[in-house]
Amino acid sequence: MEPIRIAAEKDIPQCARLLALLFSQEHEFAPDKKHQEQGLGMIVGHPSAGTIFVCEKEGLIVGMVMLLSTVSTALGKKAALLEDMVVSPEYRGQGIGSRLLEHACDWAVRQGFGRITLLTDGDNEAAHRFYAAKGFARSEMVVFRKPLPMPEVPEAPPHTIGQAGCVLPAWICEECGYVYDPSEGDLEWNIRPGVPFERMPAEWCCPVCSAPRDQFRLFDSQL
């Protein structure tokens, strides 16, 4: 039986391949390799954000599912959003999807989660039957989404970019350890390389744990 485990950084390219299959079938999304790998990188290795489970067969990841972490104030417990459940077409019908889902649910119980919520396409009757058979009940809640624009980033002063001997300091998040390195910028917030921490947009927050800017301190060594 194929093992199921938590995804590691080396698995990101294969998981992105599976997401391309999934998003090509869904009505609201379209595959974008760069975006998928970027999003996966924000989860893999960051358990406060979520956990990705993969099923591997002879070195090939043939299925995946992720649980994103949130909190239910109604329950007073941790809650999870089940996202990106997908099995490679050639391996479907072998029970891999069921095993992935059951493994994720069992893990969530052990971790103290009080609820798992998921979304499916409204006309995906096969998925509806699958999740209902696994104990999920249809909710009367209606989903609303609002895409948010990328923040405008002010131009950095010329002396902060590209001049020999001018090294901008890095800043570290005290909540999760994420390091903002000005030489790399922040792809999640569309911050280009060369923008010093002091000139980041006021609304910017940690791309990993969403901590505000005042939770950052100077990093004592450059990356």
C-alpha atoms as a PDB file:
ATOM      1  CA  MET A   1       0.000   0.000   0.000  1.00  0.00           C
ATOM      2  CA  GLU A   2       1.358   3.412  -1.010  1.00  0.00           C
ATOM      3  CA  PRO A   3       2.598   5.471   1.987  1.00  0.00           C
ATOM      4  CA  ILE A   4       0.953   8.760   2.942  1.00  0.00           C
ATOM      5  CA  ARG A   5       3.159  11.410   4.505  1.00  0.00           C
ATOM      6  CA  ILE A   6       3.474  15.134   5.064  1.00  0.00           C
ATOM      7  CA  ALA A   7       4.901  16.974   2.049  1.00  0.00           C
ATOM      8  CA  ALA A   8       8.450  18.331   2.132  1.00  0.00           C
ATOM      9  CA  GLU A   9      10.031  21.149   0.137  1.00  0.00           C
ATOM     10  CA  LYS A  10      11.363  18.705  -2.449  1.00  0.00           C
ATOM     11  CA  ASP A  11       7.766  17.703  -3.234  1.00  0.00           C
ATOM     12  CA  ILE A  12       6.644  21.177  -4.334  1.00  0.00           C
ATOM     13  CA  PRO A  13       7.229  20.676  -8.110  1.00  0.00           C
ATOM     14  CA  GLN A  14       5.261  17.401  -8.144  1.00  0.00           C
ATOM     15  CA  CYS A  15       2.451  18.906  -6.052  1.00  0.00           C
ATOM     16  CA  ALA A  16       2.306  21.857  -8.444  1.00  0.00           C
ATOM     17  CA  ARG A  17       1.881  19.358 -11.303  1.00  0.00           C
ATOM     18  CA  LEU A  18      -1.122  17.840  -9.533  1.00  0.00           C
ATOM     19  CA  LEU A  19      -2.591  21.292  -8.897  1.00  0.00           C
ATOM     20  CA  ALA A  20      -2.318  22.051 -12.603  1.00  0.00           C
ATOM     21  CA  LEU A  21      -4.533  19.016 -13.252  1.00  0.00           C
ATOM     22  CA  LEU A  22      -7.022  20.097 -10.600  1.00  0.00           C
ATOM     23  CA  PHE A  23      -7.274  23.738 -11.645  1.00  0.00           C
ATOM     24  CA  SER A  24      -7.710  22.789 -15.291  1.00  0.00           C
ATOM     25  CA  GLN A  25     -10.915  21.013 -14.262  1.00  0.00           C
ATOM     26  CA  GLU A  26     -12.380  23.671 -11.931  1.00  0.00           C
ATOM     27  CA  HIS A  27     -14.567  26.526 -13.128  1.00  0.00           C
ATOM     28  CA  GLU A  28     -13.094  29.374 -11.064  1.00  0.00           C
ATOM     29  CA  PHE A  29      -9.365  28.718 -11.344  1.00  0.00           C
ATOM     30  CA  ALA A  30      -6.687  28.291 -13.998  1.00  0.00           C
ATOM     31  CA  PRO A  31      -3.263  26.627 -13.705  1.00  0.00           C
ATOM     32  CA  ASP A  32      -0.275  28.899 -13.091  1.00  0.00           C
ATOM     33  CA  LYS A  33       2.912  27.015 -12.195  1.00  0.00           C
ATOM     34  CA  LYS A  34       4.595  30.017 -10.594  1.00  0.00           C
ATOM     35  CA  HIS A  35       1.593  30.820  -8.401  1.00  0.00           C
ATOM     36  CA  GLN A  36       1.075  27.192  -7.419  1.00  0.00           C
ATOM     37  CA  GLU A  37       4.698  26.702  -6.386  1.00  0.00           C
ATOM     38  CA  GLN A  38       4.653  30.014  -4.529  1.00  0.00           C
ATOM     39  CA  GLY A  39       1.504  29.053  -2.627  1.00  0.00           C
ATOM     40  CA  LEU A  40       2.801  25.586  -1.805  1.00  0.00           C
ATOM     41  CA  GLY A  41       6.008  27.127  -0.496  1.00  0.00           C
ATOM     42  CA  MET A  42       3.973  29.187   1.974  1.00  0.00           C
ATOM     43  CA  ILE A  43       2.529  25.994   3.465  1.00  0.00           C
ATOM     44  CA  VAL A  44       5.269  23.363   3.267  1.00  0.00           C
ATOM     45  CA  GLY A  45       7.419  23.641   6.378  1.00  0.00           C
ATOM     46  CA  HIS A  46       5.037  26.144   7.999  1.00  0.00           C
ATOM     47  CA  PRO A  47       2.640  24.098  10.162  1.00  0.00           C
ATOM     48  CA  SER A  48       0.968  27.235  11.514  1.00  0.00           C
ATOM     49  CA  ALA A  49      -0.306  27.871   7.971  1.00  0.00           C
ATOM     50  CA  GLY A  50      -1.352  24.332   7.136  1.00  0.00           C
ATOM     51  CA  THR A  51      -0.268  20.796   6.318  1.00  0.00           C
ATOM     52  CA  ILE A  52      -0.108  19.007   2.966  1.00  0.00           C
ATOM     53  CA  PHE A  53      -0.440  15.226   2.802  1.00  0.00           C
ATOM     54  CA  VAL A  54       0.832  13.298  -0.213  1.00  0.00           C
ATOM     55  CA  CYS A  55       0.558   9.720  -1.409  1.00  0.00           C
ATOM     56  CA  GLU A  56       3.716   8.436  -3.048  1.00  0.00           C
ATOM     57  CA  LYS A  57       4.199   5.463  -5.371  1.00  0.00           C
ATOM     58  CA  GLU A  58       7.712   4.530  -6.486  1.00  0.00           C
ATOM     59  CA  GLY A  59       8.971   8.076  -5.994  1.00  0.00           C
ATOM     60  CA  LEU A  60       6.017   9.671  -7.789  1.00  0.00           C
ATOM     61  CA  ILE A  61       3.427  11.711  -5.883  1.00  0.00           C
ATOM     62  CA  VAL A  62       0.101  10.413  -7.164  1.00  0.00           C
ATOM     63  CA  GLY A  63      -2.284  12.236  -4.837  1.00  0.00           C
ATOM     64  CA  MET A  64      -2.452  15.096  -2.368  1.00  0.00           C
ATOM     65  CA  VAL A  65      -4.740  16.964   0.001  1.00  0.00           C
ATOM     66  CA  MET A  66      -4.085  19.935   2.267  1.00  0.00           C
ATOM     67  CA  LEU A  67      -5.556  21.242   5.490  1.00  0.00           C
ATOM     68  CA  LEU A  68      -5.205  24.984   6.033  1.00  0.00           C
ATOM     69  CA  SER A  69      -5.332  26.118   9.651  1.00  0.00           C
ATOM     70  CA  THR A  70      -7.817  28.614  11.034  1.00  0.00           C
ATOM     71  CA  VAL A  71      -9.871  29.100  14.214  1.00  0.00           C
ATOM     72  CA  SER A  72     -13.584  28.623  14.869  1.00  0.00           C
ATOM     73  CA  THR A  73     -14.774  31.126  17.454  1.00  0.00           C
ATOM     74  CA  ALA A  74     -18.121  29.280  17.469  1.00  0.00           C
ATOM     75  CA  LEU A  75     -16.408  26.091  18.642  1.00  0.00           C
ATOM     76  CA  GLY A  76     -13.552  27.696  20.530  1.00  0.00           C
ATOM     77  CA  LYS A  77     -11.203  25.324  18.725  1.00  0.00           C
ATOM     78  CA  LYS A  78      -8.865  25.108  15.798  1.00  0.00           C
ATOM     79  CA  ALA A  79     -10.617  24.517  12.488  1.00  0.00           C
ATOM     80  CA  ALA A  80      -9.303  23.439   9.095  1.00  0.00           C
ATOM     81  CA  LEU A  81     -10.086  24.221   5.483  1.00  0.00           C
ATOM     82  CA  LEU A  82      -9.668  21.192   3.248  1.00  0.00           C
ATOM     83  CA  GLU A  83      -8.201  22.305  -0.076  1.00  0.00           C
ATOM     84  CA  ASP A  84      -6.737  20.868  -3.271  1.00  0.00           C
ATOM     85  CA  MET A  85      -7.802  17.242  -3.022  1.00  0.00           C
ATOM     86  CA  VAL A  86      -6.530  15.588  -6.203  1.00  0.00           C
ATOM     87  CA  VAL A  87      -5.363  12.183  -7.448  1.00  0.00           C
ATOM     88  CA  SER A  88      -3.566  11.618 -10.760  1.00  0.00           C
ATOM     89  CA  PRO A  89      -6.069  10.333 -13.354  1.00  0.00           C
ATOM     90  CA  GLU A  90      -4.175   7.093 -13.968  1.00  0.00           C
ATOM     91  CA  TYR A  91      -4.335   6.207 -10.254  1.00  0.00           C
ATOM     92  CA  ARG A  92      -7.985   6.992  -9.619  1.00  0.00           C
ATOM     93  CA  GLY A  93     -10.351   4.223  -8.608  1.00  0.00           C
ATOM     94  CA  GLN A  94      -7.731   2.602  -6.365  1.00  0.00           C
ATOM     95  CA  GLY A  95      -8.903   4.107  -3.062  1.00  0.00           C
ATOM     96  CA  ILE A  96      -6.081   6.637  -2.848  1.00  0.00           C
ATOM     97  CA  GLY A  97      -8.464   9.585  -2.462  1.00  0.00           C
ATOM     98  CA  SER A  98     -10.309   7.848   0.363  1.00  0.00           C
ATOM     99  CA  ARG A  99      -7.072   7.016   2.146  1.00  0.00           C
ATOM    100  CA  LEU A 100      -5.794  10.591   1.807  1.00  0.00           C
ATOM    101  CA  LEU A 101      -9.017  12.049   3.183  1.00  0.00           C
ATOM    102  CA  GLU A 102      -9.251   9.590   6.054  1.00  0.00           C
ATOM    103  CA  HIS A 103      -5.588  10.148   6.930  1.00  0.00           C
ATOM    104  CA  ALA A 104      -6.084  13.937   6.978  1.00  0.00           C
ATOM    105  CA  CYS A 105      -9.220  13.657   9.129  1.00  0.00           C
ATOM    106  CA  ASP A 106      -7.545  11.297  11.612  1.00  0.00           C
ATOM    107  CA  TRP A 107      -4.566  13.648  11.836  1.00  0.00           C
ATOM    108  CA  ALA A 108      -6.861  16.629  12.457  1.00  0.00           C
ATOM    109  CA  VAL A 109      -8.589  14.805  15.324  1.00  0.00           C
ATOM    110  CA  ARG A 110      -5.236  14.036  16.950  1.00  0.00           C
ATOM    111  CA  GLN A 111      -4.177  17.668  16.564  1.00  0.00           C
ATOM    112  CA  GLY A 112      -7.295  18.954  18.336  1.00  0.00           C
ATOM    113  CA  PHE A 113      -9.177  20.414  15.368  1.00  0.00           C
ATOM    114  CA  GLY A 114     -12.916  20.757  15.889  1.00  0.00           C
ATOM    115  CA  ARG A 115     -14.122  21.010  12.298  1.00  0.00           C
ATOM    116  CA  ILE A 116     -13.086  20.593   8.664  1.00  0.00           C
ATOM    117  CA  THR A 117     -14.722  22.722   5.969  1.00  0.00           C
ATOM    118  CA  LEU A 118     -14.363  22.261   2.221  1.00  0.00           C
ATOM    119  CA  LEU A 119     -15.673  23.718  -1.040  1.00  0.00           C
ATOM    120  CA  THR A 120     -16.521  21.934  -4.287  1.00  0.00           C
ATOM    121  CA  ASP A 121     -17.922  23.022  -7.627  1.00  0.00           C
ATOM    122  CA  GLY A 122     -21.706  23.215  -7.403  1.00  0.00           C
ATOM    123  CA  ASP A 123     -22.221  20.751 -10.245  1.00  0.00           C
ATOM    124  CA  ASN A 124     -19.576  18.208  -9.184  1.00  0.00           C
ATOM    125  CA  GLU A 125     -22.022  15.527  -8.100  1.00  0.00           C
ATOM    126  CA  ALA A 126     -19.328  12.852  -7.892  1.00  0.00           C
ATOM    127  CA  ALA A 127     -17.386  14.924  -5.360  1.00  0.00           C
ATOM    128  CA  HIS A 128     -20.591  15.629  -3.413  1.00  0.00           C
ATOM    129  CA  ARG A 129     -21.295  11.911  -3.118  1.00  0.00           C
ATOM    130  CA  PHE A 130     -17.693  11.178  -2.170  1.00  0.00           C
ATOM    131  CA  TYR A 131     -17.568  13.703   0.671  1.00  0.00           C
ATOM    132  CA  ALA A 132     -21.055  12.804   1.911  1.00  0.00           C
ATOM    133  CA  ALA A 133     -19.971   9.173   2.155  1.00  0.00           C
ATOM    134  CA  LYS A 134     -17.038  10.309   4.318  1.00  0.00           C
ATOM    135  CA  GLY A 135     -19.288  12.084   6.819  1.00  0.00           C
ATOM    136  CA  PHE A 136     -19.299  15.625   5.403  1.00  0.00           C
ATOM    137  CA  ALA A 137     -22.683  17.399   5.397  1.00  0.00           C
ATOM    138  CA  ARG A 138     -23.789  20.073   2.940  1.00  0.00           C
ATOM    139  CA  SER A 139     -23.820  23.543   4.506  1.00  0.00           C
ATOM    140  CA  GLU A 140     -26.468  26.190   3.908  1.00  0.00           C
ATOM    141  CA  MET A 141     -23.777  28.887   3.937  1.00  0.00           C
ATOM    142  CA  VAL A 142     -23.063  30.748   0.684  1.00  0.00           C
ATOM    143  CA  VAL A 143     -19.497  31.481  -0.428  1.00  0.00           C
ATOM    144  CA  PHE A 144     -18.473  35.038  -1.352  1.00  0.00           C
ATOM    145  CA  ARG A 145     -15.021  36.001  -2.634  1.00  0.00           C
ATOM    146  CA  LYS A 146     -13.317  39.333  -3.207  1.00  0.00           C
ATOM    147  CA  PRO A 147      -9.998  39.409  -5.091  1.00  0.00           C
ATOM    148  CA  LEU A 148      -7.640  41.944  -3.546  1.00  0.00           C
ATOM    149  CA  PRO A 149      -5.284  44.156  -5.583  1.00  0.00           C
ATOM    150  CA  MET A 150      -1.564  44.099  -5.056  1.00  0.00           C
ATOM    151  CA  PRO A 151      -0.402  47.002  -2.875  1.00  0.00           C
ATOM    152  CA  GLU A 152       1.530  49.781  -4.535  1.00  0.00           C
ATOM    153  CA  VAL A 153       5.148  49.792  -3.470  1.00  0.00           C
ATOM    154  CA  PRO A 154       6.926  53.159  -3.255  1.00  0.00           C
ATOM    155  CA  GLU A 155      10.091  53.614  -5.233  1.00  0.00           C
ATOM    156  CA  ALA A 156      13.165  52.940  -3.148  1.00  0.00           C
ATOM    157  CA  PRO A 157      15.776  55.714  -3.031  1.00  0.00           C
ATOM    158  CA  PRO A 158      18.544  55.142  -5.604  1.00  0.00           C
ATOM    159  CA  HIS A 159      21.231  54.818  -2.951  1.00  0.00           C
ATOM    160  CA  THR A 160      19.573  51.711  -1.494  1.00  0.00           C
ATOM    161  CA  ILE A 161      19.788  49.605  -4.634  1.00  0.00           C
ATOM    162  CA  GLY A 162      22.688  48.239  -6.600  1.00  0.00           C
ATOM    163  CA  GLN A 163      25.533  50.303  -5.136  1.00  0.00           C
ATOM    164  CA  ALA A 164      28.627  48.491  -3.967  1.00  0.00           C
ATOM    165  CA  GLY A 165      29.030  48.512  -0.212  1.00  0.00           C
ATOM    166  CA  CYS A 166      25.366  49.377   0.444  1.00  0.00           C
ATOM    167  CA  VAL A 167      23.936  46.312   2.192  1.00  0.00           C
ATOM    168  CA  LEU A 168      20.359  46.596   3.396  1.00  0.00           C
ATOM    169  CA  PRO A 169      19.626  44.858   6.714  1.00  0.00           C
ATOM    170  CA  ALA A 170      17.253  41.914   6.927  1.00  0.00           C
ATOM    171  CA  TRP A 171      14.379  41.775   9.419  1.00  0.00           C
ATOM    172  CA  ILE A 172      13.019  38.694  11.196  1.00  0.00           C
ATOM    173  CA  CYS A 173       9.450  37.984  12.329  1.00  0.00           C
ATOM    174  CA  GLU A 174       9.424  37.291  16.068  1.00  0.00           C
ATOM    175  CA  GLU A 175       6.269  35.196  15.719  1.00  0.00           C
ATOM    176  CA  CYS A 176       7.340  32.587  13.152  1.00  0.00           C
ATOM    177  CA  GLY A 177      10.964  33.303  12.191  1.00  0.00           C
ATOM    178  CA  TYR A 178      10.297  34.442   8.611  1.00  0.00           C
ATOM    179  CA  VAL A 179      13.100  36.723   7.408  1.00  0.00           C
ATOM    180  CA  TYR A 180      12.459  39.638   5.067  1.00  0.00           C
ATOM    181  CA  ASP A 181      15.616  40.073   2.997  1.00  0.00           C
ATOM    182  CA  PRO A 182      15.528  43.290   0.910  1.00  0.00           C
ATOM    183  CA  SER A 183      17.834  41.707  -1.656  1.00  0.00           C
ATOM    184  CA  GLU A 184      15.069  39.184  -2.439  1.00  0.00           C
ATOM    185  CA  GLY A 185      11.908  41.227  -1.838  1.00  0.00           C
ATOM    186  CA  ASP A 186       8.571  39.498  -1.186  1.00  0.00           C
ATOM    187  CA  LEU A 187       6.799  37.807  -4.113  1.00  0.00           C
ATOM    188  CA  GLU A 188       3.604  37.281  -2.109  1.00  0.00           C
ATOM    189  CA  TRP A 189       3.154  41.056  -1.707  1.00  0.00           C
ATOM    190  CA  ASN A 190       4.729  41.947  -5.042  1.00  0.00           C
ATOM    191  CA  ILE A 191       7.644  43.644  -3.275  1.00  0.00           C
ATOM    192  CA  ARG A 192      10.531  43.820  -5.717  1.00  0.00           C
ATOM    193  CA  PRO A 193      14.147  43.279  -4.610  1.00  0.00           C
ATOM    194  CA  GLY A 194      15.857  46.376  -3.238  1.00  0.00           C
ATOM    195  CA  VAL A 195      13.019  47.780  -1.100  1.00  0.00           C
ATOM    196  CA  PRO A 196      14.244  48.406   2.487  1.00  0.00           C
ATOM    197  CA  PHE A 197      12.051  47.283   5.356  1.00  0.00           C
ATOM    198  CA  GLU A 198      11.391  50.878   6.422  1.00  0.00           C
ATOM    199  CA  ARG A 199       9.766  51.644   3.055  1.00  0.00           C
ATOM    200  CA  MET A 200       7.414  48.679   2.961  1.00  0.00           C
ATOM    201  CA  PRO A 201       3.675  49.495   2.603  1.00  0.00           C
ATOM    202  CA  ALA A 202       1.972  50.239   5.921  1.00  0.00           C
ATOM    203  CA  GLU A 203      -0.480  47.361   5.383  1.00  0.00           C
ATOM    204  CA  TRP A 204       2.291  44.806   4.752  1.00  0.00           C
ATOM    205  CA  CYS A 205       2.437  41.889   7.169  1.00  0.00           C
ATOM    206  CA  CYS A 206       4.379  38.651   7.487  1.00  0.00           C
ATOM    207  CA  PRO A 207       3.546  36.465   4.450  1.00  0.00           C
ATOM    208  CA  VAL A 208       3.784  33.336   6.611  1.00  0.00           C
ATOM    209  CA  CYS A 209       1.894  34.101   9.849  1.00  0.00           C
ATOM    210  CA  SER A 210       0.370  37.571   9.088  1.00  0.00           C
ATOM    211  CA  ALA A 211       2.151  39.225  12.010  1.00  0.00           C
ATOM    212  CA  PRO A 212       2.228  43.050  11.672  1.00  0.00           C
ATOM    213  CA  ARG A 213       5.391  45.014  10.971  1.00  0.00           C
ATOM    214  CA  ASP A 214       5.926  45.904  14.623  1.00  0.00           C
ATOM    215  CA  GLN A 215       6.516  42.199  15.334  1.00  0.00           C
ATOM    216  CA  PHE A 216       9.735  42.308  13.265  1.00  0.00           C
ATOM    217  CA  ARG A 217      13.232  43.066  14.559  1.00  0.00           C
ATOM    218  CA  LEU A 218      16.577  43.499  12.870  1.00  0.00           C
ATOM    219  CA  PHE A 219      18.147  40.217  11.871  1.00  0.00           C
ATOM    220  CA  ASP A 220      21.666  40.007  13.279  1.00  0.00           C
ATOM    221  CA  SER A 221      23.183  38.437  10.146  1.00  0.00           C
ATOM    222  CA  GLN A 222      22.542  38.734   6.423  1.00  0.00           C
ATOM    223  CA  LEU A 223      21.019  35.818   4.547  1.00  0.00           C
END
